[in-house]
Amino acid sequence: MTVSELSEKNIFEAINISDPDREIGTPFCCDLLSIAMGKAPAGCSWVTVMSNINTLAVATLADAALVVLAEGARPDESVTAKAAEQGVNLFATPLPIFEAALKIHELI
């Protein structure tokens, strides 16, 4: 499944789509940036509540296909702008982390 195809399901709110054709891999759930930096698999859909600019840096380093901000976490304007600048696909949802990851897992 691609980022664009996931967006069309209207399960999550698309905040930034820079690479709509990017294939989404297995969900990865983690709120510790240091762990995510070393363990997030390339192409993953990273589900987290960390909505700061450092999350985007880790997503780029880990080559995550998508970051999903769960539990109602929202990026501020600077994070949204940086996501567009760095080409990070960024979605948001009020769902709990596990449920958001499970929805992605069911679709891929």
Protein backbone atom coordinates (compact mmCIF):
# COMPACT_ATOMS: atom_id res chain seq x y z
CA MET A 1 0.00 0.00 0.00
CA THR A 2 1.24 3.50 -0.77
CA VAL A 3 0.92 6.66 1.31
CA SER A 4 -1.63 7.97 -1.19
CA GLU A 5 -3.72 4.81 -0.99
CA LEU A 6 -3.72 4.99 2.82
CA SER A 7 -4.76 8.64 2.66
CA GLU A 8 -7.70 7.74 0.42
CA LYS A 9 -9.03 5.39 3.13
CA ASN A 10 -9.80 8.47 5.30
CA ILE A 11 -8.72 6.66 8.46
CA PHE A 12 -6.05 9.23 9.31
CA GLU A 13 -5.74 12.95 8.72
CA ALA A 14 -3.03 13.69 6.15
CA ILE A 15 -0.99 16.63 7.43
CA ASN A 16 1.78 16.41 4.86
CA ILE A 17 2.18 14.13 1.87
CA SER A 18 5.52 14.67 0.19
CA ASP A 19 5.93 11.24 -1.39
CA PRO A 20 2.47 9.85 -2.21
CA ASP A 21 3.87 6.83 -4.06
CA ARG A 22 6.04 5.65 -1.16
CA GLU A 23 5.28 2.08 -0.15
CA ILE A 24 4.31 1.71 3.49
CA GLY A 25 5.95 -1.07 5.45
CA THR A 26 5.23 -2.67 8.77
CA PRO A 27 4.03 -0.45 11.60
CA PHE A 28 6.62 0.49 14.23
CA CYS A 29 5.42 1.82 17.60
CA CYS A 30 7.86 3.76 19.74
CA ASP A 31 7.96 7.04 21.65
CA LEU A 32 11.65 7.03 22.49
CA LEU A 33 13.55 8.77 19.71
CA SER A 34 16.84 7.05 20.56
CA ILE A 35 15.20 3.62 20.22
CA ALA A 36 13.40 4.57 17.02
CA MET A 37 16.63 5.87 15.53
CA GLY A 38 18.28 2.48 15.92
CA LYS A 39 15.38 0.08 15.50
CA ALA A 40 12.79 1.56 13.14
CA PRO A 41 12.97 -0.44 9.91
CA ALA A 42 13.36 1.44 6.64
CA GLY A 43 9.99 1.99 4.99
CA CYS A 44 8.04 1.55 8.22
CA SER A 45 4.94 3.41 9.27
CA TRP A 46 6.10 4.89 12.56
CA VAL A 47 3.26 5.45 15.03
CA THR A 48 4.12 7.78 17.91
CA VAL A 49 2.85 10.59 20.10
CA MET A 50 6.08 12.56 19.71
CA SER A 51 5.06 15.54 17.59
CA ASN A 52 8.24 17.59 17.76
CA ILE A 53 10.80 18.49 15.15
CA ASN A 54 13.24 15.83 16.40
CA THR A 55 10.73 13.17 15.36
CA LEU A 56 11.10 14.33 11.77
CA ALA A 57 14.87 14.10 11.99
CA VAL A 58 14.67 10.53 13.29
CA ALA A 59 12.08 9.61 10.64
CA THR A 60 14.47 10.88 7.98
CA LEU A 61 17.46 9.04 9.45
CA ALA A 62 15.47 5.82 9.77
CA ASP A 63 13.95 6.26 6.29
CA ALA A 64 10.42 5.82 7.64
CA ALA A 65 7.80 5.90 4.89
CA LEU A 66 5.28 7.59 7.14
CA VAL A 67 4.91 9.08 10.59
CA VAL A 68 1.49 8.78 12.23
CA LEU A 69 0.92 10.98 15.26
CA ALA A 70 -1.50 9.08 17.50
CA GLU A 71 -3.54 9.79 20.63
CA GLY A 72 -4.57 13.22 19.30
CA ALA A 73 -0.98 14.51 19.14
CA ARG A 74 -0.72 17.45 16.75
CA PRO A 75 2.29 19.10 15.17
CA ASP A 76 2.71 22.84 15.46
CA GLU A 77 3.18 24.99 12.34
CA SER A 78 6.97 24.74 12.44
CA VAL A 79 6.85 20.94 12.51
CA THR A 80 4.35 20.85 9.65
CA ALA A 81 6.55 23.18 7.59
CA LYS A 82 9.64 21.12 8.37
CA ALA A 83 7.86 17.91 7.35
CA ALA A 84 7.18 19.46 3.94
CA GLU A 85 10.74 20.73 3.68
CA GLN A 86 12.27 17.36 4.61
CA GLY A 87 9.80 15.31 2.59
CA VAL A 88 8.32 13.44 5.57
CA ASN A 89 4.85 11.99 5.06
CA LEU A 90 2.94 12.96 8.20
CA PHE A 91 -0.52 11.85 9.33
CA ALA A 92 -2.46 12.29 12.58
CA THR A 93 -5.20 10.40 14.39
CA PRO A 94 -7.05 10.48 17.70
CA LEU A 95 -6.70 6.68 17.87
CA PRO A 96 -4.44 5.07 20.48
CA ILE A 97 -1.03 4.00 19.20
CA PHE A 98 -1.84 0.29 19.11
CA GLU A 99 -5.14 0.76 17.28
CA ALA A 100 -3.56 3.06 14.69
CA ALA A 101 -0.77 0.55 14.06
CA LEU A 102 -3.27 -2.29 13.86
CA LYS A 103 -5.32 -0.45 11.21
CA ILE A 104 -2.19 0.03 9.10
CA HIS A 105 -1.17 -3.59 9.62
CA GLU A 106 -4.60 -4.81 8.50
CA LEU A 107 -4.40 -2.75 5.31
CA ILE A 108 -0.91 -3.71 4.23
